[in-house]
């Protein structure tokens, strides 16, 4: 599963067109419309389209000036976090390490 947080920029006069185009993408949630051509969107993988492919398609829209990836999560799907078929992968949510001393924080074991 991938989840992307993306800032999308367009000219203010194209805001409504871009807003409509953004909301037509499956797996996309329009989180913030700043009303000045800036949008914050959250994109998730769908069954047929990876989140990165959706972000690339948005960058190619005619009235989009640029896209900036500001957050990215790639990991096991919900329910698969601790059942990675036969390997030693142990999932650790990133929020669990917030506020901990980096020298004593538990490290997740990487996927082999």
Protein backbone atom coordinates (compact mmCIF):
# COMPACT_ATOMS: atom_id res chain seq x y z
CA UNK A 1 0.00 0.00 0.00
CA UNK A 2 1.22 3.50 -0.82
CA UNK A 3 -0.13 6.78 0.47
CA UNK A 4 1.13 10.07 -0.93
CA UNK A 5 0.61 13.61 0.33
CA UNK A 6 0.97 16.02 -2.59
CA UNK A 7 0.78 19.78 -3.04
CA UNK A 8 -0.61 20.72 -6.45
CA UNK A 9 -0.19 24.24 -7.88
CA UNK A 10 -2.28 25.84 -10.62
CA UNK A 11 -3.00 29.39 -11.67
CA UNK A 12 -5.85 30.85 -9.60
CA UNK A 13 -7.98 31.36 -12.70
CA UNK A 14 -7.82 27.60 -13.39
CA UNK A 15 -8.65 26.53 -9.82
CA UNK A 16 -12.14 25.21 -10.56
CA UNK A 17 -11.02 23.25 -13.63
CA UNK A 18 -8.12 21.66 -11.76
CA UNK A 19 -10.30 20.91 -8.72
CA UNK A 20 -12.75 19.03 -10.94
CA UNK A 21 -9.93 17.14 -12.66
CA UNK A 22 -8.35 16.18 -9.33
CA UNK A 23 -11.54 14.79 -7.84
CA UNK A 24 -12.09 12.61 -10.91
CA UNK A 25 -9.08 10.43 -10.00
CA UNK A 26 -9.92 7.30 -8.00
CA UNK A 27 -8.01 6.96 -4.75
CA UNK A 28 -7.58 10.73 -4.43
CA UNK A 29 -8.91 12.83 -1.58
CA UNK A 30 -8.86 16.61 -2.03
CA UNK A 31 -7.88 17.57 1.52
CA UNK A 32 -7.37 21.34 1.11
CA UNK A 33 -8.34 23.84 -1.56
CA UNK A 34 -6.67 27.12 -0.58
CA UNK A 35 -8.82 28.96 -3.15
CA UNK A 36 -5.69 30.47 -4.74
CA UNK A 37 -4.56 27.62 -6.97
CA UNK A 38 -2.94 25.53 -4.24
CA UNK A 39 -4.33 22.12 -3.34
CA UNK A 40 -3.31 19.46 -0.86
CA UNK A 41 -4.29 15.98 -1.97
CA UNK A 42 -3.91 12.55 -0.43
CA UNK A 43 -3.50 9.75 -2.95
CA UNK A 44 -3.80 6.04 -2.18
CA UNK A 45 -3.20 2.99 -4.33
CA UNK A 46 -6.36 1.57 -5.86
CA UNK A 47 -6.87 -2.00 -7.02
CA UNK A 48 -5.87 -0.97 -10.55
CA UNK A 49 -3.77 2.22 -10.28
CA UNK A 50 -0.72 2.80 -8.07
CA UNK A 51 -0.63 6.12 -6.20
CA UNK A 52 2.59 7.14 -7.97
CA UNK A 53 0.89 6.70 -11.34
CA UNK A 54 -1.97 8.95 -10.23
CA UNK A 55 0.52 11.60 -9.11
CA UNK A 56 2.29 11.41 -12.47
CA UNK A 57 -1.04 11.81 -14.30
CA UNK A 58 -1.87 14.89 -12.21
CA UNK A 59 1.48 16.46 -13.08
CA UNK A 60 0.58 16.12 -16.77
CA UNK A 61 -2.78 17.91 -16.51
CA UNK A 62 -2.85 21.00 -18.77
CA UNK A 63 -3.46 23.61 -16.06
CA UNK A 64 -1.25 22.11 -13.36
CA UNK A 65 1.96 24.11 -12.89
CA UNK A 66 3.70 21.63 -10.58
CA UNK A 67 3.28 18.92 -8.00
CA UNK A 68 5.35 18.44 -4.86
CA UNK A 69 5.51 15.19 -2.95
CA UNK A 70 5.50 16.13 0.73
CA UNK A 71 4.67 12.80 2.37
CA UNK A 72 5.08 9.20 1.29
CA UNK A 73 4.22 5.95 3.02
CA UNK A 74 4.88 2.56 1.49
CA UNK A 75 4.30 -0.51 3.52
CA UNK A 76 2.17 -3.53 4.11
CA UNK A 77 -1.57 -3.32 3.69
CA UNK A 78 -3.64 -3.10 6.85
CA UNK A 79 -3.89 -6.54 8.39
CA UNK A 80 -0.70 -7.73 6.73
CA UNK A 81 1.66 -5.76 8.97
CA UNK A 82 2.80 -8.74 11.02
CA UNK A 83 2.01 -11.57 8.61
CA UNK A 84 4.56 -11.05 5.85
CA UNK A 85 4.53 -14.70 4.73
CA UNK A 86 7.50 -16.47 6.19
CA UNK A 87 10.01 -13.68 6.64
CA UNK A 88 11.19 -11.76 9.70
CA UNK A 89 9.61 -8.44 8.84
CA UNK A 90 8.19 -6.62 11.85
CA UNK A 91 6.15 -3.55 11.14
CA UNK A 92 6.46 -0.52 13.39
CA UNK A 93 4.19 2.47 12.94
CA UNK A 94 6.20 5.67 12.53
CA UNK A 95 4.03 7.48 15.08
CA UNK A 96 5.27 5.13 17.78
CA UNK A 97 8.75 6.62 17.61
CA UNK A 98 7.71 10.28 17.89
CA UNK A 99 9.12 11.98 20.94
CA UNK A 100 11.52 9.15 21.73
CA UNK A 101 15.23 9.60 22.13
CA UNK A 102 16.67 8.63 18.72
CA UNK A 103 19.47 6.72 20.46
CA UNK A 104 17.01 4.42 22.22
CA UNK A 105 14.15 4.23 19.70
CA UNK A 106 13.25 0.73 18.55
CA UNK A 107 14.26 0.10 14.96
CA UNK A 108 12.04 -1.85 12.57
CA UNK A 109 13.60 -4.93 11.01
CA UNK A 110 13.90 -4.44 7.23
CA UNK A 111 12.27 -6.78 4.75
CA UNK A 112 14.86 -9.22 3.40
